[in-house]
PDB file of all heavy atoms in Angstrom:
ATOM      1  N   ASN A   1       5.803   8.612  19.891  1.00  0.00           N
ATOM      2  CA  ASN A   1       6.110   7.418  19.085  1.00  0.00           C
ATOM      3  C   ASN A   1       4.899   6.905  18.337  1.00  0.00           C
ATOM      4  O   ASN A   1       4.983   6.518  17.179  1.00  0.00           O
ATOM      5  CB  ASN A   1       6.693   6.299  19.949  1.00  0.00           C
ATOM      6  CG  ASN A   1       8.103   6.575  20.350  1.00  0.00           C
ATOM      7  OD1 ASN A   1       8.736   7.571  19.945  1.00  0.00           O
ATOM      8  ND2 ASN A   1       8.651   5.724  21.189  1.00  0.00           N
ATOM      9  N   ALA A   2       3.743   6.911  19.005  1.00  0.00           N
ATOM     10  CA  ALA A   2       2.502   6.482  18.340  1.00  0.00           C
ATOM     11  C   ALA A   2       2.157   7.440  17.205  1.00  0.00           C
ATOM     12  O   ALA A   2       1.751   7.027  16.131  1.00  0.00           O
ATOM     13  CB  ALA A   2       1.362   6.418  19.320  1.00  0.00           C
ATOM     14  N   MET A   3       2.337   8.738  17.449  1.00  0.00           N
ATOM     15  CA  MET A   3       2.022   9.738  16.423  1.00  0.00           C
ATOM     16  C   MET A   3       2.901   9.523  15.183  1.00  0.00           C
ATOM     17  O   MET A   3       2.453   9.644  14.062  1.00  0.00           O
ATOM     18  CB  MET A   3       2.217  11.147  16.978  1.00  0.00           C
ATOM     19  CG  MET A   3       1.916  12.252  15.964  1.00  0.00           C
ATOM     20  SD  MET A   3       0.236  12.292  15.285  1.00  0.00           S
ATOM     21  CE  MET A   3      -0.626  13.093  16.650  1.00  0.00           C
ATOM     22  N   CYS A   4       4.200   9.258  15.399  1.00  0.00           N
ATOM     23  CA  CYS A   4       5.120   9.089  14.296  1.00  0.00           C
ATOM     24  C   CYS A   4       5.232   7.625  13.820  1.00  0.00           C
ATOM     25  O   CYS A   4       5.937   7.377  12.843  1.00  0.00           O
ATOM     26  CB  CYS A   4       6.497   9.581  14.736  1.00  0.00           C
ATOM     27  SG  CYS A   4       6.562  11.286  15.216  1.00  0.00           S
ATOM     28  N   GLU A   5       4.539   6.720  14.520  1.00  0.00           N
ATOM     29  CA  GLU A   5       4.637   5.296  14.243  1.00  0.00           C
ATOM     30  C   GLU A   5       6.043   4.779  14.240  1.00  0.00           C
ATOM     31  O   GLU A   5       6.485   4.047  13.373  1.00  0.00           O
ATOM     32  CB  GLU A   5       3.903   4.964  12.936  1.00  0.00           C
ATOM     33  CG  GLU A   5       2.436   5.204  13.018  1.00  0.00           C
ATOM     34  CD  GLU A   5       1.682   4.873  11.702  1.00  0.00           C
ATOM     35  OE1 GLU A   5       2.277   4.332  10.745  1.00  0.00           O
ATOM     36  OE2 GLU A   5       0.482   5.147  11.664  1.00  0.00           O
ATOM     37  N   ILE A   6       6.788   5.237  15.254  1.00  0.00           N
ATOM     38  CA  ILE A   6       8.180   4.815  15.437  1.00  0.00           C
ATOM     39  C   ILE A   6       8.290   4.168  16.797  1.00  0.00           C
ATOM     40  O   ILE A   6       7.981   4.805  17.827  1.00  0.00           O
ATOM     41  CB  ILE A   6       9.163   5.999  15.342  1.00  0.00           C
ATOM     42  CG1 ILE A   6       9.085   6.617  13.964  1.00  0.00           C
ATOM     43  CG2 ILE A   6      10.571   5.554  15.689  1.00  0.00           C
ATOM     44  CD1 ILE A   6       9.860   7.906  13.828  1.00  0.00           C
ATOM     45  N   TYR A   7       8.644   2.917  16.837  1.00  0.00           N
ATOM     46  CA  TYR A   7       8.767   2.161  18.047  1.00  0.00           C
ATOM     47  C   TYR A   7      10.170   1.599  18.142  1.00  0.00           C
ATOM     48  O   TYR A   7      10.418   0.405  17.788  1.00  0.00           O
ATOM     49  CB  TYR A   7       7.707   1.059  18.104  1.00  0.00           C
ATOM     50  CG  TYR A   7       6.315   1.606  17.940  1.00  0.00           C
ATOM     51  CD1 TYR A   7       5.703   1.682  16.689  1.00  0.00           C
ATOM     52  CD2 TYR A   7       5.609   2.090  19.059  1.00  0.00           C
ATOM     53  CE1 TYR A   7       4.442   2.193  16.544  1.00  0.00           C
ATOM     54  CE2 TYR A   7       4.353   2.627  18.885  1.00  0.00           C
ATOM     55  CZ  TYR A   7       3.783   2.667  17.644  1.00  0.00           C
ATOM     56  OH  TYR A   7       2.505   3.192  17.503  1.00  0.00           O
ATOM     57  N   PRO A   8      11.171   2.387  18.536  1.00  0.00           N
ATOM     58  CA  PRO A   8      12.560   1.988  18.406  1.00  0.00           C
ATOM     59  C   PRO A   8      12.958   0.765  19.250  1.00  0.00           C
ATOM     60  O   PRO A   8      13.789  -0.043  18.832  1.00  0.00           O
ATOM     61  CB  PRO A   8      13.336   3.206  18.874  1.00  0.00           C
ATOM     62  CG  PRO A   8      12.379   4.003  19.683  1.00  0.00           C
ATOM     63  CD  PRO A   8      10.999   3.703  19.136  1.00  0.00           C
ATOM     64  N   ASP A   9      12.410   0.628  20.464  1.00  0.00           N
ATOM     65  CA  ASP A   9      12.889  -0.439  21.345  1.00  0.00           C
ATOM     66  C   ASP A   9      11.833  -1.488  21.589  1.00  0.00           C
ATOM     67  O   ASP A   9      11.867  -2.133  22.622  1.00  0.00           O
ATOM     68  CB  ASP A   9      13.316   0.140  22.673  1.00  0.00           C
ATOM     69  CG  ASP A   9      14.491   1.110  22.527  1.00  0.00           C
ATOM     70  OD1 ASP A   9      15.312   0.852  21.637  1.00  0.00           O
ATOM     71  OD2 ASP A   9      14.577   2.089  23.274  1.00  0.00           O
ATOM     72  N   SER A  10      10.900  -1.639  20.664  1.00  0.00           N
ATOM     73  CA  SER A  10       9.820  -2.596  20.947  1.00  0.00           C
ATOM     74  C   SER A  10       9.569  -3.510  19.758  1.00  0.00           C
ATOM     75  O   SER A  10       9.537  -3.076  18.603  1.00  0.00           O
ATOM     76  CB  SER A  10       8.530  -1.790  21.235  1.00  0.00           C
ATOM     77  OG  SER A  10       7.472  -2.663  21.447  1.00  0.00           O
ATOM     78  N   ASP A  11       9.373  -4.754  20.086  1.00  0.00           N
ATOM     79  CA  ASP A  11       8.964  -5.710  19.089  1.00  0.00           C
ATOM     80  C   ASP A  11       7.460  -5.827  19.065  1.00  0.00           C
ATOM     81  O   ASP A  11       6.875  -6.484  18.223  1.00  0.00           O
ATOM     82  CB  ASP A  11       9.529  -7.109  19.421  1.00  0.00           C
ATOM     83  CG  ASP A  11      11.063  -7.145  19.228  1.00  0.00           C
ATOM     84  OD1 ASP A  11      11.572  -6.314  18.448  1.00  0.00           O
ATOM     85  OD2 ASP A  11      11.700  -7.976  19.857  1.00  0.00           O
ATOM     86  N   VAL A  12       6.779  -5.165  20.027  1.00  0.00           N
ATOM     87  CA  VAL A  12       5.346  -5.234  20.137  1.00  0.00           C
ATOM     88  C   VAL A  12       4.749  -3.896  19.659  1.00  0.00           C
ATOM     89  O   VAL A  12       5.067  -2.848  20.208  1.00  0.00           O
ATOM     90  CB  VAL A  12       4.896  -5.488  21.602  1.00  0.00           C
ATOM     91  CG1 VAL A  12       3.407  -5.494  21.719  1.00  0.00           C
ATOM     92  CG2 VAL A  12       5.492  -6.778  22.102  1.00  0.00           C
ATOM     93  N   LEU A  13       3.943  -4.020  18.624  1.00  0.00           N
ATOM     94  CA  LEU A  13       3.235  -2.806  18.131  1.00  0.00           C
ATOM     95  C   LEU A  13       1.766  -2.959  18.492  1.00  0.00           C
ATOM     96  O   LEU A  13       1.140  -3.977  18.257  1.00  0.00           O
ATOM     97  CB  LEU A  13       3.392  -2.703  16.601  1.00  0.00           C
ATOM     98  CG  LEU A  13       4.816  -2.568  16.073  1.00  0.00           C
ATOM     99  CD1 LEU A  13       4.794  -2.500  14.564  1.00  0.00           C
ATOM    100  CD2 LEU A  13       5.476  -1.353  16.662  1.00  0.00           C
ATOM    101  N   LEU A  14       1.231  -1.892  19.124  1.00  0.00           N
ATOM    102  CA  LEU A  14      -0.168  -1.936  19.525  1.00  0.00           C
ATOM    103  C   LEU A  14      -1.009  -1.142  18.553  1.00  0.00           C
ATOM    104  O   LEU A  14      -0.671  -0.005  18.185  1.00  0.00           O
ATOM    105  CB  LEU A  14      -0.339  -1.328  20.915  1.00  0.00           C
ATOM    106  CG  LEU A  14       0.404  -2.029  22.064  1.00  0.00           C
ATOM    107  CD1 LEU A  14       0.229  -1.233  23.357  1.00  0.00           C
ATOM    108  CD2 LEU A  14      -0.086  -3.453  22.237  1.00  0.00           C
ATOM    109  N   SER A  15      -2.126  -1.701  18.165  1.00  0.00           N
ATOM    110  CA  SER A  15      -3.078  -0.996  17.298  1.00  0.00           C
ATOM    111  C   SER A  15      -3.756   0.057  18.200  1.00  0.00           C
ATOM    112  O   SER A  15      -3.680   0.021  19.424  1.00  0.00           O
ATOM    113  CB  SER A  15      -4.121  -1.943  16.736  1.00  0.00           C
ATOM    114  OG  SER A  15      -4.985  -2.435  17.782  1.00  0.00           O
ATOM    115  N   TYR A  16      -4.494   0.975  17.555  1.00  0.00           N
ATOM    116  CA  TYR A  16      -5.205   1.972  18.351  1.00  0.00           C
ATOM    117  C   TYR A  16      -6.228   1.290  19.261  1.00  0.00           C
ATOM    118  O   TYR A  16      -6.408   1.687  20.395  1.00  0.00           O
ATOM    119  CB  TYR A  16      -5.884   3.026  17.467  1.00  0.00           C
ATOM    120  CG  TYR A  16      -6.638   4.007  18.318  1.00  0.00           C
ATOM    121  CD1 TYR A  16      -5.951   5.022  18.976  1.00  0.00           C
ATOM    122  CD2 TYR A  16      -7.996   3.876  18.553  1.00  0.00           C
ATOM    123  CE1 TYR A  16      -6.613   5.892  19.827  1.00  0.00           C
ATOM    124  CE2 TYR A  16      -8.666   4.762  19.364  1.00  0.00           C
ATOM    125  CZ  TYR A  16      -7.991   5.748  20.023  1.00  0.00           C
ATOM    126  OH  TYR A  16      -8.634   6.578  20.888  1.00  0.00           O
ATOM    127  N   VAL A  17      -6.919   0.299  18.737  1.00  0.00           N
ATOM    128  CA  VAL A  17      -7.899  -0.425  19.562  1.00  0.00           C
ATOM    129  C   VAL A  17      -7.248  -1.013  20.769  1.00  0.00           C
ATOM    130  O   VAL A  17      -7.791  -0.913  21.900  1.00  0.00           O
ATOM    131  CB  VAL A  17      -8.632  -1.488  18.703  1.00  0.00           C
ATOM    132  CG1 VAL A  17      -9.529  -2.369  19.542  1.00  0.00           C
ATOM    133  CG2 VAL A  17      -9.441  -0.841  17.578  1.00  0.00           C
ATOM    134  N   GLU A  18      -6.096  -1.624  20.619  1.00  0.00           N
ATOM    135  CA  GLU A  18      -5.376  -2.212  21.766  1.00  0.00           C
ATOM    136  C   GLU A  18      -4.961  -1.117  22.752  1.00  0.00           C
ATOM    137  O   GLU A  18      -5.091  -1.288  23.951  1.00  0.00           O
ATOM    138  CB  GLU A  18      -4.163  -2.989  21.285  1.00  0.00           C
ATOM    139  CG  GLU A  18      -4.516  -4.270  20.540  1.00  0.00           C
ATOM    140  CD  GLU A  18      -3.367  -4.849  19.752  1.00  0.00           C
ATOM    141  OE1 GLU A  18      -2.480  -4.119  19.289  1.00  0.00           O
ATOM    142  OE2 GLU A  18      -3.358  -6.082  19.648  1.00  0.00           O
ATOM    143  N   GLN A  19      -4.491  -0.004  22.237  1.00  0.00           N
ATOM    144  CA  GLN A  19      -4.120   1.138  23.121  1.00  0.00           C
ATOM    145  C   GLN A  19      -5.354   1.632  23.860  1.00  0.00           C
ATOM    146  O   GLN A  19      -5.277   1.956  25.042  1.00  0.00           O
ATOM    147  CB  GLN A  19      -3.488   2.257  22.290  1.00  0.00           C
ATOM    148  CG  GLN A  19      -2.171   1.940  21.706  1.00  0.00           C
ATOM    149  CD  GLN A  19      -1.692   3.032  20.771  1.00  0.00           C
ATOM    150  OE1 GLN A  19      -1.866   4.212  21.049  1.00  0.00           O
ATOM    151  NE2 GLN A  19      -1.066   2.653  19.646  1.00  0.00           N
ATOM    152  N   ASP A  20      -6.475   1.695  23.139  1.00  0.00           N
ATOM    153  CA  ASP A  20      -7.722   2.155  23.766  1.00  0.00           C
ATOM    154  C   ASP A  20      -8.147   1.197  24.887  1.00  0.00           C
ATOM    155  O   ASP A  20      -8.586   1.618  25.940  1.00  0.00           O
ATOM    156  CB  ASP A  20      -8.798   2.280  22.684  1.00  0.00           C
ATOM    157  CG  ASP A  20     -10.026   2.995  23.219  1.00  0.00           C
ATOM    158  OD1 ASP A  20      -9.901   4.015  23.888  1.00  0.00           O
ATOM    159  OD2 ASP A  20     -11.158   2.454  22.935  1.00  0.00           O
ATOM    160  N   HIS A  21      -7.999  -0.120  24.644  1.00  0.00           N
ATOM    161  CA  HIS A  21      -8.352  -1.106  25.674  1.00  0.00           C
ATOM    162  C   HIS A  21      -7.477  -0.869  26.910  1.00  0.00           C
ATOM    163  O   HIS A  21      -7.961  -0.935  28.040  1.00  0.00           O
ATOM    164  CB  HIS A  21      -8.123  -2.526  25.203  1.00  0.00           C
ATOM    165  CG  HIS A  21      -9.153  -3.006  24.213  1.00  0.00           C
ATOM    166  ND1 HIS A  21     -10.515  -2.783  24.334  1.00  0.00           N
ATOM    167  CD2 HIS A  21      -9.037  -3.712  23.086  1.00  0.00           C
ATOM    168  CE1 HIS A  21     -11.181  -3.330  23.373  1.00  0.00           C
ATOM    169  NE2 HIS A  21     -10.294  -3.882  22.573  1.00  0.00           N
ATOM    170  N   ILE A  22      -6.212  -0.625  26.716  1.00  0.00           N
ATOM    171  CA  ILE A  22      -5.301  -0.392  27.834  1.00  0.00           C
ATOM    172  C   ILE A  22      -5.669   0.872  28.608  1.00  0.00           C
ATOM    173  O   ILE A  22      -5.727   0.869  29.859  1.00  0.00           O
ATOM    174  CB  ILE A  22      -3.827  -0.326  27.352  1.00  0.00           C
ATOM    175  CG1 ILE A  22      -3.386  -1.712  26.897  1.00  0.00           C
ATOM    176  CG2 ILE A  22      -2.917   0.199  28.469  1.00  0.00           C
ATOM    177  CD1 ILE A  22      -2.062  -1.722  26.117  1.00  0.00           C
ATOM    178  N   ARG A  23      -6.015   1.933  27.901  1.00  0.00           N
ATOM    179  CA  ARG A  23      -6.451   3.169  28.561  1.00  0.00           C
ATOM    180  C   ARG A  23      -7.701   2.912  29.410  1.00  0.00           C
ATOM    181  O   ARG A  23      -7.820   3.384  30.553  1.00  0.00           O
ATOM    182  CB  ARG A  23      -6.731   4.292  27.550  1.00  0.00           C
ATOM    183  CG  ARG A  23      -5.498   4.940  27.043  1.00  0.00           C
ATOM    184  CD  ARG A  23      -5.839   6.200  26.195  1.00  0.00           C
ATOM    185  NE  ARG A  23      -4.762   6.469  25.341  1.00  0.00           N
ATOM    186  CZ  ARG A  23      -4.676   6.121  24.041  1.00  0.00           C
ATOM    187  NH1 ARG A  23      -5.660   5.499  23.459  1.00  0.00           N
ATOM    188  NH2 ARG A  23      -3.617   6.398  23.345  1.00  0.00           N
ATOM    189  N   LYS A  24      -8.646   2.209  28.829  1.00  0.00           N
ATOM    190  CA  LYS A  24      -9.904   1.931  29.536  1.00  0.00           C
ATOM    191  C   LYS A  24      -9.621   1.058  30.763  1.00  0.00           C
ATOM    192  O   LYS A  24     -10.175   1.284  31.858  1.00  0.00           O
ATOM    193  CB  LYS A  24     -10.898   1.224  28.633  1.00  0.00           C
ATOM    194  CG  LYS A  24     -11.505   2.188  27.613  1.00  0.00           C
ATOM    195  CD  LYS A  24     -12.432   1.451  26.647  1.00  0.00           C
ATOM    196  CE  LYS A  24     -12.958   2.402  25.616  1.00  0.00           C
ATOM    197  NZ  LYS A  24     -13.728   1.674  24.574  1.00  0.00           N
ATOM    198  N   TYR A  25      -8.766   0.052  30.582  1.00  0.00           N
ATOM    199  CA  TYR A  25      -8.446  -0.858  31.691  1.00  0.00           C
ATOM    200  C   TYR A  25      -7.839  -0.041  32.829  1.00  0.00           C
ATOM    201  O   TYR A  25      -8.164  -0.267  34.045  1.00  0.00           O
ATOM    202  CB  TYR A  25      -7.415  -1.909  31.208  1.00  0.00           C
ATOM    203  CG  TYR A  25      -6.985  -2.877  32.291  1.00  0.00           C
ATOM    204  CD1 TYR A  25      -7.738  -3.980  32.605  1.00  0.00           C
ATOM    205  CD2 TYR A  25      -5.788  -2.657  33.001  1.00  0.00           C
ATOM    206  CE1 TYR A  25      -7.348  -4.888  33.588  1.00  0.00           C
ATOM    207  CE2 TYR A  25      -5.396  -3.530  33.979  1.00  0.00           C
ATOM    208  CZ  TYR A  25      -6.153  -4.641  34.271  1.00  0.00           C
ATOM    209  OH  TYR A  25      -5.748  -5.485  35.269  1.00  0.00           O
ATOM    210  N   ARG A  26      -6.958   0.892  32.540  1.00  0.00           N
ATOM    211  CA  ARG A  26      -6.323   1.725  33.604  1.00  0.00           C
ATOM    212  C   ARG A  26      -7.308   2.552  34.341  1.00  0.00           C
ATOM    213  O   ARG A  26      -7.054   2.943  35.479  1.00  0.00           O
ATOM    214  CB  ARG A  26      -5.229   2.576  32.968  1.00  0.00           C
ATOM    215  CG  ARG A  26      -4.033   1.772  32.539  1.00  0.00           C
ATOM    216  CD  ARG A  26      -2.983   2.643  31.871  1.00  0.00           C
ATOM    217  NE  ARG A  26      -1.790   1.834  31.504  1.00  0.00           N
ATOM    218  CZ  ARG A  26      -0.867   2.249  30.702  1.00  0.00           C
ATOM    219  NH1 ARG A  26      -0.912   3.470  30.152  1.00  0.00           N
ATOM    220  NH2 ARG A  26       0.153   1.479  30.423  1.00  0.00           N
ATOM    221  N   ASP A  27      -8.468   2.883  33.736  1.00  0.00           N
ATOM    222  CA  ASP A  27      -9.471   3.661  34.393  1.00  0.00           C
ATOM    223  C   ASP A  27     -10.414   2.883  35.264  1.00  0.00           C
ATOM    224  O   ASP A  27     -11.227   3.429  36.004  1.00  0.00           O
ATOM    225  CB  ASP A  27     -10.329   4.427  33.353  1.00  0.00           C
ATOM    226  CG  ASP A  27      -9.557   5.583  32.678  1.00  0.00           C
ATOM    227  OD1 ASP A  27      -8.569   6.044  33.261  1.00  0.00           O
ATOM    228  OD2 ASP A  27      -9.954   6.026  31.594  1.00  0.00           O
ATOM    229  N   LEU A  28     -10.337   1.544  35.191  1.00  0.00           N
ATOM    230  CA  LEU A  28     -11.234   0.675  35.936  1.00  0.00           C
ATOM    231  C   LEU A  28     -10.861   0.677  37.430  1.00  0.00           C
ATOM    232  O   LEU A  28      -9.701   0.881  37.787  1.00  0.00           O
ATOM    233  CB  LEU A  28     -11.160  -0.756  35.439  1.00  0.00           C
ATOM    234  CG  LEU A  28     -11.665  -1.025  34.031  1.00  0.00           C
ATOM    235  CD1 LEU A  28     -11.396  -2.461  33.631  1.00  0.00           C
ATOM    236  CD2 LEU A  28     -13.150  -0.683  33.895  1.00  0.00           C
ATOM    237  N   ASP A  29     -11.890   0.439  38.262  1.00  0.00           N
ATOM    238  CA  ASP A  29     -11.601   0.241  39.691  1.00  0.00           C
ATOM    239  C   ASP A  29     -11.096  -1.166  39.886  1.00  0.00           C
ATOM    240  O   ASP A  29     -11.057  -1.971  38.929  1.00  0.00           O
ATOM    241  CB  ASP A  29     -12.858   0.514  40.517  1.00  0.00           C
ATOM    242  CG  ASP A  29     -14.010  -0.416  40.248  1.00  0.00           C
ATOM    243  OD1 ASP A  29     -13.836  -1.471  39.569  1.00  0.00           O
ATOM    244  OD2 ASP A  29     -15.131  -0.121  40.725  1.00  0.00           O
TER     245      ASP A  29
END
């Protein structure tokens, strides 16, 4: 969905920076 920029069931669109923050957060202890 991110690759195609299609978010069928979401009103929330995340920028790449926001996605990157989430990925980093998930890697934290």
